[in-house]
Every structure is written in C-alpha cells, then in structure tokens.
Amino acid sequence: GQNFAFNGYLPVKKQERAEKLKYLEKKLLADKQTQIFIETPY
C-alpha cells in the first residue's frame, strides 16, 4: 500500500489487453508496485 498505481480501464481489444497485463505484471515484479484496474461489470 506504499507503492501502487491505479490504471483505470484496460484496453478492450484482446491483444492490446494482453500486452497491457504483461506490462503491469513486469512493473509489479520490477518495482514491487501493486497494480489496480477496473472493468465494465458485464
């Protein structure tokens, strides 16, 4: 809770979303930074 980022909505397109998730996971591992995001409920 001392190093985190809110990323809002992830891309809707599947390939772009996959790339974003891979980036966020790398960011988490490199900087120990919690990654937060949301999606439209449906």
PDB file of all heavy atoms in Angstrom:
ATOM      1  N   GLY A   1       0.803  -1.214   0.000  1.00  0.00           N
ATOM      2  CA  GLY A   1       0.000   0.000   0.000  1.00  0.00           C
ATOM      3  C   GLY A   1       0.834   1.262   0.000  1.00  0.00           C
ATOM      4  O   GLY A   1       0.281   2.365   0.088  1.00  0.00           O
ATOM      5  N   GLN A   2       2.163   1.115  -0.108  1.00  0.00           N
ATOM      6  CA  GLN A   2       3.043   2.284  -0.141  1.00  0.00           C
ATOM      7  C   GLN A   2       3.544   2.580  -1.547  1.00  0.00           C
ATOM      8  O   GLN A   2       4.098   3.663  -1.796  1.00  0.00           O
ATOM      9  CB  GLN A   2       4.226   2.071   0.803  1.00  0.00           C
ATOM     10  CG  GLN A   2       3.802   1.880   2.250  1.00  0.00           C
ATOM     11  CD  GLN A   2       4.935   2.171   3.208  1.00  0.00           C
ATOM     12  OE1 GLN A   2       5.518   3.246   3.187  1.00  0.00           O
ATOM     13  NE2 GLN A   2       5.251   1.212   4.054  1.00  0.00           N
ATOM     14  N   ASN A   3       3.358   1.643  -2.441  1.00  0.00           N
ATOM     15  CA  ASN A   3       3.750   1.851  -3.831  1.00  0.00           C
ATOM     16  C   ASN A   3       2.718   1.136  -4.704  1.00  0.00           C
ATOM     17  O   ASN A   3       2.739  -0.090  -4.826  1.00  0.00           O
ATOM     18  CB  ASN A   3       5.153   1.299  -4.088  1.00  0.00           C
ATOM     19  CG  ASN A   3       5.648   1.594  -5.498  1.00  0.00           C
ATOM     20  OD1 ASN A   3       5.048   2.379  -6.232  1.00  0.00           O
ATOM     21  ND2 ASN A   3       6.747   0.972  -5.879  1.00  0.00           N
ATOM     22  N   PHE A   4       1.811   1.909  -5.267  1.00  0.00           N
ATOM     23  CA  PHE A   4       0.736   1.311  -6.070  1.00  0.00           C
ATOM     24  C   PHE A   4       0.338   2.267  -7.187  1.00  0.00           C
ATOM     25  O   PHE A   4       0.631   3.466  -7.141  1.00  0.00           O
ATOM     26  CB  PHE A   4      -0.479   0.977  -5.195  1.00  0.00           C
ATOM     27  CG  PHE A   4      -1.083   2.152  -4.479  1.00  0.00           C
ATOM     28  CD1 PHE A   4      -2.101   2.898  -5.056  1.00  0.00           C
ATOM     29  CD2 PHE A   4      -0.631   2.513  -3.219  1.00  0.00           C
ATOM     30  CE1 PHE A   4      -2.658   3.989  -4.401  1.00  0.00           C
ATOM     31  CE2 PHE A   4      -1.175   3.608  -2.544  1.00  0.00           C
ATOM     32  CZ  PHE A   4      -2.190   4.347  -3.136  1.00  0.00           C
ATOM     33  N   ALA A   5      -0.333   1.726  -8.201  1.00  0.00           N
ATOM     34  CA  ALA A   5      -0.797   2.537  -9.325  1.00  0.00           C
ATOM     35  C   ALA A   5      -2.204   2.112  -9.709  1.00  0.00           C
ATOM     36  O   ALA A   5      -2.498   0.910  -9.797  1.00  0.00           O
ATOM     37  CB  ALA A   5       0.140   2.373 -10.520  1.00  0.00           C
ATOM     38  N   PHE A   6      -3.061   3.108  -9.928  1.00  0.00           N
ATOM     39  CA  PHE A   6      -4.400   2.825 -10.437  1.00  0.00           C
ATOM     40  C   PHE A   6      -4.380   3.070 -11.936  1.00  0.00           C
ATOM     41  O   PHE A   6      -4.072   4.167 -12.400  1.00  0.00           O
ATOM     42  CB  PHE A   6      -5.437   3.713  -9.765  1.00  0.00           C
ATOM     43  CG  PHE A   6      -6.823   3.531 -10.340  1.00  0.00           C
ATOM     44  CD1 PHE A   6      -7.478   2.314 -10.228  1.00  0.00           C
ATOM     45  CD2 PHE A   6      -7.454   4.571 -11.004  1.00  0.00           C
ATOM     46  CE1 PHE A   6      -8.747   2.125 -10.773  1.00  0.00           C
ATOM     47  CE2 PHE A   6      -8.718   4.396 -11.545  1.00  0.00           C
ATOM     48  CZ  PHE A   6      -9.364   3.175 -11.432  1.00  0.00           C
ATOM     49  N   ASN A   7      -4.718   2.041 -12.715  1.00  0.00           N
ATOM     50  CA  ASN A   7      -4.593   2.093 -14.173  1.00  0.00           C
ATOM     51  C   ASN A   7      -5.919   2.275 -14.899  1.00  0.00           C
ATOM     52  O   ASN A   7      -5.952   2.266 -16.131  1.00  0.00           O
ATOM     53  CB  ASN A   7      -3.930   0.800 -14.671  1.00  0.00           C
ATOM     54  CG  ASN A   7      -2.539   0.627 -14.106  1.00  0.00           C
ATOM     55  OD1 ASN A   7      -1.580   1.198 -14.613  1.00  0.00           O
ATOM     56  ND2 ASN A   7      -2.408  -0.157 -13.031  1.00  0.00           N
ATOM     57  N   GLY A   8      -7.001   2.434 -14.161  1.00  0.00           N
ATOM     58  CA  GLY A   8      -8.295   2.625 -14.804  1.00  0.00           C
ATOM     59  C   GLY A   8      -8.721   1.386 -15.569  1.00  0.00           C
ATOM     60  O   GLY A   8      -8.482   0.249 -15.146  1.00  0.00           O
ATOM     61  N   TYR A   9      -9.339   1.612 -16.729  1.00  0.00           N
ATOM     62  CA  TYR A   9      -9.801   0.509 -17.570  1.00  0.00           C
ATOM     63  C   TYR A   9      -8.663   0.017 -18.464  1.00  0.00           C
ATOM     64  O   TYR A   9      -7.917   0.825 -19.032  1.00  0.00           O
ATOM     65  CB  TYR A   9     -10.969   0.956 -18.456  1.00  0.00           C
ATOM     66  CG  TYR A   9     -12.230   1.251 -17.693  1.00  0.00           C
ATOM     67  CD1 TYR A   9     -12.498   2.531 -17.220  1.00  0.00           C
ATOM     68  CD2 TYR A   9     -13.167   0.243 -17.443  1.00  0.00           C
ATOM     69  CE1 TYR A   9     -13.665   2.808 -16.521  1.00  0.00           C
ATOM     70  CE2 TYR A   9     -14.337   0.512 -16.745  1.00  0.00           C
ATOM     71  CZ  TYR A   9     -14.571   1.798 -16.284  1.00  0.00           C
ATOM     72  OH  TYR A   9     -15.718   2.069 -15.578  1.00  0.00           O
ATOM     73  N   LEU A  10      -8.547  -1.292 -18.608  1.00  0.00           N
ATOM     74  CA  LEU A  10      -7.577  -1.858 -19.535  1.00  0.00           C
ATOM     75  C   LEU A  10      -8.159  -1.838 -20.945  1.00  0.00           C
ATOM     76  O   LEU A  10      -9.370  -1.715 -21.128  1.00  0.00           O
ATOM     77  CB  LEU A  10      -7.238  -3.293 -19.120  1.00  0.00           C
ATOM     78  CG  LEU A  10      -6.622  -3.478 -17.727  1.00  0.00           C
ATOM     79  CD1 LEU A  10      -6.102  -4.901 -17.572  1.00  0.00           C
ATOM     80  CD2 LEU A  10      -5.534  -2.470 -17.443  1.00  0.00           C
ATOM     81  N   PRO A  11      -7.302  -1.962 -21.977  1.00  0.00           N
ATOM     82  CA  PRO A  11      -7.819  -1.952 -23.352  1.00  0.00           C
ATOM     83  C   PRO A  11      -8.865  -3.047 -23.580  1.00  0.00           C
ATOM     84  O   PRO A  11      -8.790  -4.128 -23.002  1.00  0.00           O
ATOM     85  CB  PRO A  11      -6.564  -2.209 -24.192  1.00  0.00           C
ATOM     86  CG  PRO A  11      -5.434  -1.729 -23.338  1.00  0.00           C
ATOM     87  CD  PRO A  11      -5.838  -2.047 -21.931  1.00  0.00           C
ATOM     88  N   VAL A  12      -9.821  -2.756 -24.436  1.00  0.00           N
ATOM     89  CA  VAL A  12     -10.891  -3.721 -24.731  1.00  0.00           C
ATOM     90  C   VAL A  12     -10.405  -4.798 -25.706  1.00  0.00           C
ATOM     91  O   VAL A  12     -10.740  -5.974 -25.554  1.00  0.00           O
ATOM     92  CB  VAL A  12     -12.124  -2.992 -25.315  1.00  0.00           C
ATOM     93  CG1 VAL A  12     -13.190  -4.008 -25.749  1.00  0.00           C
ATOM     94  CG2 VAL A  12     -12.705  -2.019 -24.287  1.00  0.00           C
ATOM     95  N   LYS A  13      -9.596  -4.401 -26.696  1.00  0.00           N
ATOM     96  CA  LYS A  13      -9.120  -5.357 -27.684  1.00  0.00           C
ATOM     97  C   LYS A  13      -8.200  -6.378 -27.023  1.00  0.00           C
ATOM     98  O   LYS A  13      -7.323  -6.023 -26.240  1.00  0.00           O
ATOM     99  CB  LYS A  13      -8.397  -4.632 -28.815  1.00  0.00           C
ATOM    100  CG  LYS A  13      -9.320  -3.755 -29.645  1.00  0.00           C
ATOM    101  CD  LYS A  13      -8.590  -3.112 -30.813  1.00  0.00           C
ATOM    102  CE  LYS A  13      -9.532  -2.275 -31.651  1.00  0.00           C
ATOM    103  NZ  LYS A  13      -8.830  -1.614 -32.783  1.00  0.00           N
ATOM    104  N   LYS A  14      -8.413  -7.643 -27.362  1.00  0.00           N
ATOM    105  CA  LYS A  14      -7.755  -8.741 -26.672  1.00  0.00           C
ATOM    106  C   LYS A  14      -6.233  -8.658 -26.711  1.00  0.00           C
ATOM    107  O   LYS A  14      -5.562  -8.841 -25.689  1.00  0.00           O
ATOM    108  CB  LYS A  14      -8.222 -10.076 -27.262  1.00  0.00           C
ATOM    109  CG  LYS A  14      -7.902 -11.284 -26.386  1.00  0.00           C
ATOM    110  CD  LYS A  14      -8.574 -12.528 -26.914  1.00  0.00           C
ATOM    111  CE  LYS A  14      -8.353 -13.710 -25.984  1.00  0.00           C
ATOM    112  NZ  LYS A  14      -8.982 -13.510 -24.658  1.00  0.00           N
ATOM    113  N   GLN A  15      -5.650  -8.372 -27.877  1.00  0.00           N
ATOM    114  CA  GLN A  15      -4.197  -8.319 -27.991  1.00  0.00           C
ATOM    115  C   GLN A  15      -3.615  -7.159 -27.192  1.00  0.00           C
ATOM    116  O   GLN A  15      -2.610  -7.308 -26.491  1.00  0.00           O
ATOM    117  CB  GLN A  15      -3.787  -8.196 -29.470  1.00  0.00           C
ATOM    118  CG  GLN A  15      -2.278  -8.195 -29.700  1.00  0.00           C
ATOM    119  CD  GLN A  15      -1.597  -9.446 -29.168  1.00  0.00           C
ATOM    120  OE1 GLN A  15      -2.128 -10.550 -29.253  1.00  0.00           O
ATOM    121  NE2 GLN A  15      -0.406  -9.284 -28.591  1.00  0.00           N
ATOM    122  N   GLU A  16      -4.277  -6.010 -27.273  1.00  0.00           N
ATOM    123  CA  GLU A  16      -3.816  -4.844 -26.526  1.00  0.00           C
ATOM    124  C   GLU A  16      -3.935  -5.081 -25.023  1.00  0.00           C
ATOM    125  O   GLU A  16      -3.073  -4.666 -24.243  1.00  0.00           O
ATOM    126  CB  GLU A  16      -4.608  -3.609 -26.940  1.00  0.00           C
ATOM    127  CG  GLU A  16      -4.353  -3.163 -28.376  1.00  0.00           C
ATOM    128  CD  GLU A  16      -5.196  -1.971 -28.764  1.00  0.00           C
ATOM    129  OE1 GLU A  16      -5.901  -1.413 -27.891  1.00  0.00           O
ATOM    130  OE2 GLU A  16      -5.161  -1.581 -29.949  1.00  0.00           O
ATOM    131  N   ARG A  17      -5.009  -5.746 -24.632  1.00  0.00           N
ATOM    132  CA  ARG A  17      -5.198  -6.044 -23.209  1.00  0.00           C
ATOM    133  C   ARG A  17      -4.121  -7.009 -22.714  1.00  0.00           C
ATOM    134  O   ARG A  17      -3.575  -6.832 -21.618  1.00  0.00           O
ATOM    135  CB  ARG A  17      -6.580  -6.635 -22.970  1.00  0.00           C
ATOM    136  CG  ARG A  17      -6.797  -7.113 -21.535  1.00  0.00           C
ATOM    137  CD  ARG A  17      -8.193  -7.658 -21.339  1.00  0.00           C
ATOM    138  NE  ARG A  17      -9.149  -6.575 -21.281  1.00  0.00           N
ATOM    139  CZ  ARG A  17     -10.450  -6.744 -21.032  1.00  0.00           C
ATOM    140  NH1 ARG A  17     -10.927  -7.947 -20.830  1.00  0.00           N
ATOM    141  NH2 ARG A  17     -11.255  -5.715 -20.974  1.00  0.00           N
ATOM    142  N   ALA A  18      -3.804  -8.015 -23.523  1.00  0.00           N
ATOM    143  CA  ALA A  18      -2.768  -8.981 -23.152  1.00  0.00           C
ATOM    144  C   ALA A  18      -1.422  -8.279 -22.961  1.00  0.00           C
ATOM    145  O   ALA A  18      -0.695  -8.546 -21.996  1.00  0.00           O
ATOM    146  CB  ALA A  18      -2.656 -10.065 -24.222  1.00  0.00           C
ATOM    147  N   GLU A  19      -1.087  -7.370 -23.863  1.00  0.00           N
ATOM    148  CA  GLU A  19       0.166  -6.636 -23.760  1.00  0.00           C
ATOM    149  C   GLU A  19       0.187  -5.756 -22.510  1.00  0.00           C
ATOM    150  O   GLU A  19       1.218  -5.638 -21.835  1.00  0.00           O
ATOM    151  CB  GLU A  19       0.373  -5.785 -25.014  1.00  0.00           C
ATOM    152  CG  GLU A  19       0.624  -6.620 -26.268  1.00  0.00           C
ATOM    153  CD  GLU A  19       0.670  -5.778 -27.533  1.00  0.00           C
ATOM    154  OE1 GLU A  19       0.485  -4.542 -27.418  1.00  0.00           O
ATOM    155  OE2 GLU A  19       0.880  -6.343 -28.621  1.00  0.00           O
ATOM    156  N   LYS A  20      -0.962  -5.147 -22.197  1.00  0.00           N
ATOM    157  CA  LYS A  20      -1.043  -4.299 -21.009  1.00  0.00           C
ATOM    158  C   LYS A  20      -0.881  -5.126 -19.732  1.00  0.00           C
ATOM    159  O   LYS A  20      -0.167  -4.716 -18.805  1.00  0.00           O
ATOM    160  CB  LYS A  20      -2.388  -3.571 -20.985  1.00  0.00           C
ATOM    161  CG  LYS A  20      -2.532  -2.569 -19.840  1.00  0.00           C
ATOM    162  CD  LYS A  20      -1.607  -1.383 -20.006  1.00  0.00           C
ATOM    163  CE  LYS A  20      -1.885  -0.316 -18.966  1.00  0.00           C
ATOM    164  NZ  LYS A  20      -1.026   0.881 -19.122  1.00  0.00           N
ATOM    165  N   LEU A  21      -1.519  -6.278 -19.669  1.00  0.00           N
ATOM    166  CA  LEU A  21      -1.397  -7.144 -18.494  1.00  0.00           C
ATOM    167  C   LEU A  21       0.047  -7.610 -18.305  1.00  0.00           C
ATOM    168  O   LEU A  21       0.558  -7.650 -17.175  1.00  0.00           O
ATOM    169  CB  LEU A  21      -2.329  -8.344 -18.617  1.00  0.00           C
ATOM    170  CG  LEU A  21      -3.814  -8.083 -18.322  1.00  0.00           C
ATOM    171  CD1 LEU A  21      -4.658  -9.277 -18.736  1.00  0.00           C
ATOM    172  CD2 LEU A  21      -4.013  -7.775 -16.833  1.00  0.00           C
ATOM    173  N   LYS A  22       0.721  -7.962 -19.402  1.00  0.00           N
ATOM    174  CA  LYS A  22       2.122  -8.378 -19.307  1.00  0.00           C
ATOM    175  C   LYS A  22       2.983  -7.227 -18.800  1.00  0.00           C
ATOM    176  O   LYS A  22       3.892  -7.425 -17.981  1.00  0.00           O
ATOM    177  CB  LYS A  22       2.619  -8.844 -20.678  1.00  0.00           C
ATOM    178  CG  LYS A  22       2.013 -10.162 -21.151  1.00  0.00           C
ATOM    179  CD  LYS A  22       2.461 -10.502 -22.559  1.00  0.00           C
ATOM    180  CE  LYS A  22       1.787 -11.763 -23.066  1.00  0.00           C
ATOM    181  NZ  LYS A  22       2.150 -12.061 -24.469  1.00  0.00           N
ATOM    182  N   TYR A  23       2.687  -6.019 -19.274  1.00  0.00           N
ATOM    183  CA  TYR A  23       3.437  -4.836 -18.820  1.00  0.00           C
ATOM    184  C   TYR A  23       3.219  -4.591 -17.332  1.00  0.00           C
ATOM    185  O   TYR A  23       4.181  -4.324 -16.592  1.00  0.00           O
ATOM    186  CB  TYR A  23       3.006  -3.615 -19.625  1.00  0.00           C
ATOM    187  CG  TYR A  23       3.515  -2.321 -19.039  1.00  0.00           C
ATOM    188  CD1 TYR A  23       4.826  -1.900 -19.246  1.00  0.00           C
ATOM    189  CD2 TYR A  23       2.677  -1.514 -18.261  1.00  0.00           C
ATOM    190  CE1 TYR A  23       5.303  -0.722 -18.693  1.00  0.00           C
ATOM    191  CE2 TYR A  23       3.143  -0.335 -17.692  1.00  0.00           C
ATOM    192  CZ  TYR A  23       4.450   0.067 -17.920  1.00  0.00           C
ATOM    193  OH  TYR A  23       4.910   1.228 -17.361  1.00  0.00           O
ATOM    194  N   LEU A  24       1.957  -4.678 -16.876  1.00  0.00           N
ATOM    195  CA  LEU A  24       1.656  -4.428 -15.464  1.00  0.00           C
ATOM    196  C   LEU A  24       2.307  -5.475 -14.561  1.00  0.00           C
ATOM    197  O   LEU A  24       2.785  -5.149 -13.471  1.00  0.00           O
ATOM    198  CB  LEU A  24       0.142  -4.410 -15.248  1.00  0.00           C
ATOM    199  CG  LEU A  24      -0.623  -3.265 -15.921  1.00  0.00           C
ATOM    200  CD1 LEU A  24      -2.117  -3.389 -15.635  1.00  0.00           C
ATOM    201  CD2 LEU A  24      -0.095  -1.904 -15.467  1.00  0.00           C
ATOM    202  N   GLU A  25       2.344  -6.712 -15.022  1.00  0.00           N
ATOM    203  CA  GLU A  25       2.985  -7.761 -14.228  1.00  0.00           C
ATOM    204  C   GLU A  25       4.486  -7.510 -14.132  1.00  0.00           C
ATOM    205  O   GLU A  25       5.090  -7.696 -13.065  1.00  0.00           O
ATOM    206  CB  GLU A  25       2.702  -9.130 -14.837  1.00  0.00           C
ATOM    207  CG  GLU A  25       3.149 -10.282 -13.944  1.00  0.00           C
ATOM    208  CD  GLU A  25       2.765 -11.635 -14.515  1.00  0.00           C
ATOM    209  OE1 GLU A  25       2.820 -11.782 -15.757  1.00  0.00           O
ATOM    210  OE2 GLU A  25       2.423 -12.534 -13.740  1.00  0.00           O
ATOM    211  N   LYS A  26       5.114  -7.072 -15.232  1.00  0.00           N
ATOM    212  CA  LYS A  26       6.544  -6.744 -15.201  1.00  0.00           C
ATOM    213  C   LYS A  26       6.799  -5.566 -14.265  1.00  0.00           C
ATOM    214  O   LYS A  26       7.787  -5.536 -13.527  1.00  0.00           O
ATOM    215  CB  LYS A  26       7.037  -6.415 -16.617  1.00  0.00           C
ATOM    216  CG  LYS A  26       7.151  -7.622 -17.534  1.00  0.00           C
ATOM    217  CD  LYS A  26       7.640  -7.210 -18.914  1.00  0.00           C
ATOM    218  CE  LYS A  26       7.742  -8.418 -19.842  1.00  0.00           C
ATOM    219  NZ  LYS A  26       8.170  -8.023 -21.215  1.00  0.00           N
ATOM    220  N   LYS A  27       5.907  -4.592 -14.297  1.00  0.00           N
ATOM    221  CA  LYS A  27       6.029  -3.423 -13.421  1.00  0.00           C
ATOM    222  C   LYS A  27       5.932  -3.839 -11.958  1.00  0.00           C
ATOM    223  O   LYS A  27       6.685  -3.361 -11.103  1.00  0.00           O
ATOM    224  CB  LYS A  27       4.915  -2.425 -13.757  1.00  0.00           C
ATOM    225  CG  LYS A  27       5.001  -1.097 -13.028  1.00  0.00           C
ATOM    226  CD  LYS A  27       6.099  -0.231 -13.570  1.00  0.00           C
ATOM    227  CE  LYS A  27       6.057   1.149 -12.937  1.00  0.00           C
ATOM    228  NZ  LYS A  27       7.241   1.967 -13.309  1.00  0.00           N
ATOM    229  N   LEU A  28       4.998  -4.741 -11.677  1.00  0.00           N
ATOM    230  CA  LEU A  28       4.838  -5.272 -10.319  1.00  0.00           C
ATOM    231  C   LEU A  28       6.131  -5.937  -9.844  1.00  0.00           C
ATOM    232  O   LEU A  28       6.614  -5.681  -8.738  1.00  0.00           O
ATOM    233  CB  LEU A  28       3.680  -6.279 -10.304  1.00  0.00           C
ATOM    234  CG  LEU A  28       3.669  -7.326  -9.183  1.00  0.00           C
ATOM    235  CD1 LEU A  28       3.482  -6.659  -7.837  1.00  0.00           C
ATOM    236  CD2 LEU A  28       2.585  -8.359  -9.444  1.00  0.00           C
ATOM    237  N   LEU A  29       6.710  -6.783 -10.673  1.00  0.00           N
ATOM    238  CA  LEU A  29       7.900  -7.533 -10.287  1.00  0.00           C
ATOM    239  C   LEU A  29       9.131  -6.642 -10.174  1.00  0.00           C
ATOM    240  O   LEU A  29       9.958  -6.813  -9.276  1.00  0.00           O
ATOM    241  CB  LEU A  29       8.148  -8.650 -11.298  1.00  0.00           C
ATOM    242  CG  LEU A  29       7.065  -9.737 -11.373  1.00  0.00           C
ATOM    243  CD1 LEU A  29       7.343 -10.690 -12.514  1.00  0.00           C
ATOM    244  CD2 LEU A  29       6.972 -10.484 -10.052  1.00  0.00           C
ATOM    245  N   ALA A  30       9.243  -5.654 -11.075  1.00  0.00           N
ATOM    246  CA  ALA A  30      10.430  -4.803 -11.092  1.00  0.00           C
ATOM    247  C   ALA A  30      10.434  -3.775  -9.962  1.00  0.00           C
ATOM    248  O   ALA A  30      11.462  -3.517  -9.335  1.00  0.00           O
ATOM    249  CB  ALA A  30      10.540  -4.096 -12.440  1.00  0.00           C
ATOM    250  N   ASP A  31       9.265  -3.200  -9.684  1.00  0.00           N
ATOM    251  CA  ASP A  31       9.190  -2.078  -8.736  1.00  0.00           C
ATOM    252  C   ASP A  31       8.430  -2.414  -7.454  1.00  0.00           C
ATOM    253  O   ASP A  31       8.263  -1.543  -6.602  1.00  0.00           O
ATOM    254  CB  ASP A  31       8.511  -0.879  -9.399  1.00  0.00           C
ATOM    255  CG  ASP A  31       9.278  -0.361 -10.600  1.00  0.00           C
ATOM    256  OD1 ASP A  31      10.499  -0.609 -10.662  1.00  0.00           O
ATOM    257  OD2 ASP A  31       8.661   0.279 -11.472  1.00  0.00           O
ATOM    258  N   LYS A  32       7.967  -3.675  -7.327  1.00  0.00           N
ATOM    259  CA  LYS A  32       7.146  -4.062  -6.172  1.00  0.00           C
ATOM    260  C   LYS A  32       5.921  -3.149  -6.045  1.00  0.00           C
ATOM    261  O   LYS A  32       5.483  -2.809  -4.943  1.00  0.00           O
ATOM    262  CB  LYS A  32       7.956  -4.014  -4.868  1.00  0.00           C
ATOM    263  CG  LYS A  32       9.283  -4.741  -4.926  1.00  0.00           C
ATOM    264  CD  LYS A  32       9.114  -6.214  -5.269  1.00  0.00           C
ATOM    265  CE  LYS A  32      10.464  -6.939  -5.282  1.00  0.00           C
ATOM    266  NZ  LYS A  32      10.355  -8.348  -5.715  1.00  0.00           N
ATOM    267  N   GLN A  33       5.379  -2.760  -7.182  1.00  0.00           N
ATOM    268  CA  GLN A  33       4.276  -1.805  -7.219  1.00  0.00           C
ATOM    269  C   GLN A  33       2.951  -2.519  -7.485  1.00  0.00           C
ATOM    270  O   GLN A  33       2.772  -3.160  -8.513  1.00  0.00           O
ATOM    271  CB  GLN A  33       4.514  -0.753  -8.317  1.00  0.00           C
ATOM    272  CG  GLN A  33       3.461   0.346  -8.364  1.00  0.00           C
ATOM    273  CD  GLN A  33       3.724   1.324  -9.485  1.00  0.00           C
ATOM    274  OE1 GLN A  33       3.587   0.981 -10.660  1.00  0.00           O
ATOM    275  NE2 GLN A  33       4.111   2.548  -9.141  1.00  0.00           N
ATOM    276  N   THR A  34       2.032  -2.417  -6.542  1.00  0.00           N
ATOM    277  CA  THR A  34       0.703  -3.008  -6.711  1.00  0.00           C
ATOM    278  C   THR A  34      -0.008  -2.348  -7.889  1.00  0.00           C
ATOM    279  O   THR A  34      -0.001  -1.126  -8.019  1.00  0.00           O
ATOM    280  CB  THR A  34      -0.135  -2.806  -5.434  1.00  0.00           C
ATOM    281  OG1 THR A  34       0.543  -3.404  -4.327  1.00  0.00           O
ATOM    282  CG2 THR A  34      -1.517  -3.428  -5.591  1.00  0.00           C
ATOM    283  N   GLN A  35      -0.610  -3.151  -8.743  1.00  0.00           N
ATOM    284  CA  GLN A  35      -1.308  -2.644  -9.926  1.00  0.00           C
ATOM    285  C   GLN A  35      -2.810  -2.846  -9.758  1.00  0.00           C
ATOM    286  O   GLN A  35      -3.277  -3.964  -9.520  1.00  0.00           O
ATOM    287  CB  GLN A  35      -0.807  -3.350 -11.186  1.00  0.00           C
ATOM    288  CG  GLN A  35       0.692  -3.213 -11.425  1.00  0.00           C
ATOM    289  CD  GLN A  35       1.120  -1.760 -11.638  1.00  0.00           C
ATOM    290  OE1 GLN A  35       0.401  -0.978 -12.275  1.00  0.00           O
ATOM    291  NE2 GLN A  35       2.290  -1.407 -11.117  1.00  0.00           N
ATOM    292  N   ILE A  36      -3.560  -1.758  -9.888  1.00  0.00           N
ATOM    293  CA  ILE A  36      -5.011  -1.772  -9.677  1.00  0.00           C
ATOM    294  C   ILE A  36      -5.698  -1.386 -10.978  1.00  0.00           C
ATOM    295  O   ILE A  36      -5.278  -0.445 -11.660  1.00  0.00           O
ATOM    296  CB  ILE A  36      -5.404  -0.770  -8.569  1.00  0.00           C
ATOM    297  CG1 ILE A  36      -4.540  -0.983  -7.322  1.00  0.00           C
ATOM    298  CG2 ILE A  36      -6.886  -0.885  -8.234  1.00  0.00           C
ATOM    299  CD1 ILE A  36      -4.703   0.108  -6.277  1.00  0.00           C
ATOM    300  N   PHE A  37      -6.773  -2.086 -11.325  1.00  0.00           N
ATOM    301  CA  PHE A  37      -7.523  -1.744 -12.533  1.00  0.00           C
ATOM    302  C   PHE A  37      -8.975  -2.189 -12.391  1.00  0.00           C
ATOM    303  O   PHE A  37      -9.328  -2.937 -11.470  1.00  0.00           O
ATOM    304  CB  PHE A  37      -6.880  -2.341 -13.792  1.00  0.00           C
ATOM    305  CG  PHE A  37      -6.391  -3.758 -13.650  1.00  0.00           C
ATOM    306  CD1 PHE A  37      -7.197  -4.823 -13.994  1.00  0.00           C
ATOM    307  CD2 PHE A  37      -5.116  -4.022 -13.170  1.00  0.00           C
ATOM    308  CE1 PHE A  37      -6.751  -6.133 -13.880  1.00  0.00           C
ATOM    309  CE2 PHE A  37      -4.655  -5.328 -13.038  1.00  0.00           C
ATOM    310  CZ  PHE A  37      -5.476  -6.387 -13.399  1.00  0.00           C
ATOM    311  N   ILE A  38      -9.799  -1.706 -13.308  1.00  0.00           N
ATOM    312  CA  ILE A  38     -11.236  -1.987 -13.259  1.00  0.00           C
ATOM    313  C   ILE A  38     -11.731  -2.382 -14.651  1.00  0.00           C
ATOM    314  O   ILE A  38     -11.012  -2.261 -15.634  1.00  0.00           O
ATOM    315  CB  ILE A  38     -12.039  -0.766 -12.750  1.00  0.00           C
ATOM    316  CG1 ILE A  38     -11.730   0.473 -13.609  1.00  0.00           C
ATOM    317  CG2 ILE A  38     -11.749  -0.499 -11.285  1.00  0.00           C
ATOM    318  CD1 ILE A  38     -12.528   1.707 -13.218  1.00  0.00           C
ATOM    319  N   GLU A  39     -12.975  -2.830 -14.684  1.00  0.00           N
ATOM    320  CA  GLU A  39     -13.612  -3.200 -15.946  1.00  0.00           C
ATOM    321  C   GLU A  39     -15.101  -2.936 -15.841  1.00  0.00           C
ATOM    322  O   GLU A  39     -15.665  -2.891 -14.733  1.00  0.00           O
ATOM    323  CB  GLU A  39     -13.339  -4.679 -16.266  1.00  0.00           C
ATOM    324  CG  GLU A  39     -13.928  -5.178 -17.576  1.00  0.00           C
ATOM    325  CD  GLU A  39     -13.543  -4.342 -18.774  1.00  0.00           C
ATOM    326  OE1 GLU A  39     -14.137  -3.255 -18.946  1.00  0.00           O
ATOM    327  OE2 GLU A  39     -12.673  -4.763 -19.561  1.00  0.00           O
ATOM    328  N   THR A  40     -15.745  -2.724 -16.975  1.00  0.00           N
ATOM    329  CA  THR A  40     -17.202  -2.633 -17.009  1.00  0.00           C
ATOM    330  C   THR A  40     -17.762  -3.949 -16.482  1.00  0.00           C
ATOM    331  O   THR A  40     -17.325  -5.021 -16.926  1.00  0.00           O
ATOM    332  CB  THR A  40     -17.683  -2.392 -18.448  1.00  0.00           C
ATOM    333  OG1 THR A  40     -17.068  -1.189 -18.943  1.00  0.00           O
ATOM    334  CG2 THR A  40     -19.190  -2.273 -18.501  1.00  0.00           C
ATOM    335  N   PRO A  41     -18.705  -3.903 -15.529  1.00  0.00           N
ATOM    336  CA  PRO A  41     -19.158  -5.140 -14.864  1.00  0.00           C
ATOM    337  C   PRO A  41     -19.501  -6.300 -15.784  1.00  0.00           C
ATOM    338  O   PRO A  41     -19.157  -7.444 -15.478  1.00  0.00           O
ATOM    339  CB  PRO A  41     -20.372  -4.661 -14.064  1.00  0.00           C
ATOM    340  CG  PRO A  41     -20.025  -3.258 -13.706  1.00  0.00           C
ATOM    341  CD  PRO A  41     -19.320  -2.704 -14.917  1.00  0.00           C
ATOM    342  N   TYR A  42     -20.131  -6.043 -16.922  1.00  0.00           N
ATOM    343  CA  TYR A  42     -20.532  -7.176 -17.778  1.00  0.00           C
ATOM    344  C   TYR A  42     -19.350  -7.827 -18.498  1.00  0.00           C
ATOM    345  O   TYR A  42     -19.489  -8.905 -19.089  1.00  0.00           O
ATOM    346  CB  TYR A  42     -21.614  -6.755 -18.783  1.00  0.00           C
ATOM    347  CG  TYR A  42     -21.150  -5.844 -19.898  1.00  0.00           C
ATOM    348  CD1 TYR A  42     -20.611  -6.369 -21.072  1.00  0.00           C
ATOM    349  CD2 TYR A  42     -21.275  -4.466 -19.801  1.00  0.00           C
ATOM    350  CE1 TYR A  42     -20.201  -5.548 -22.104  1.00  0.00           C
ATOM    351  CE2 TYR A  42     -20.873  -3.629 -20.825  1.00  0.00           C
ATOM    352  CZ  TYR A  42     -20.333  -4.171 -21.973  1.00  0.00           C
ATOM    353  OH  TYR A  42     -19.928  -3.346 -22.990  1.00  0.00           O
TER     354      TYR A  42
END
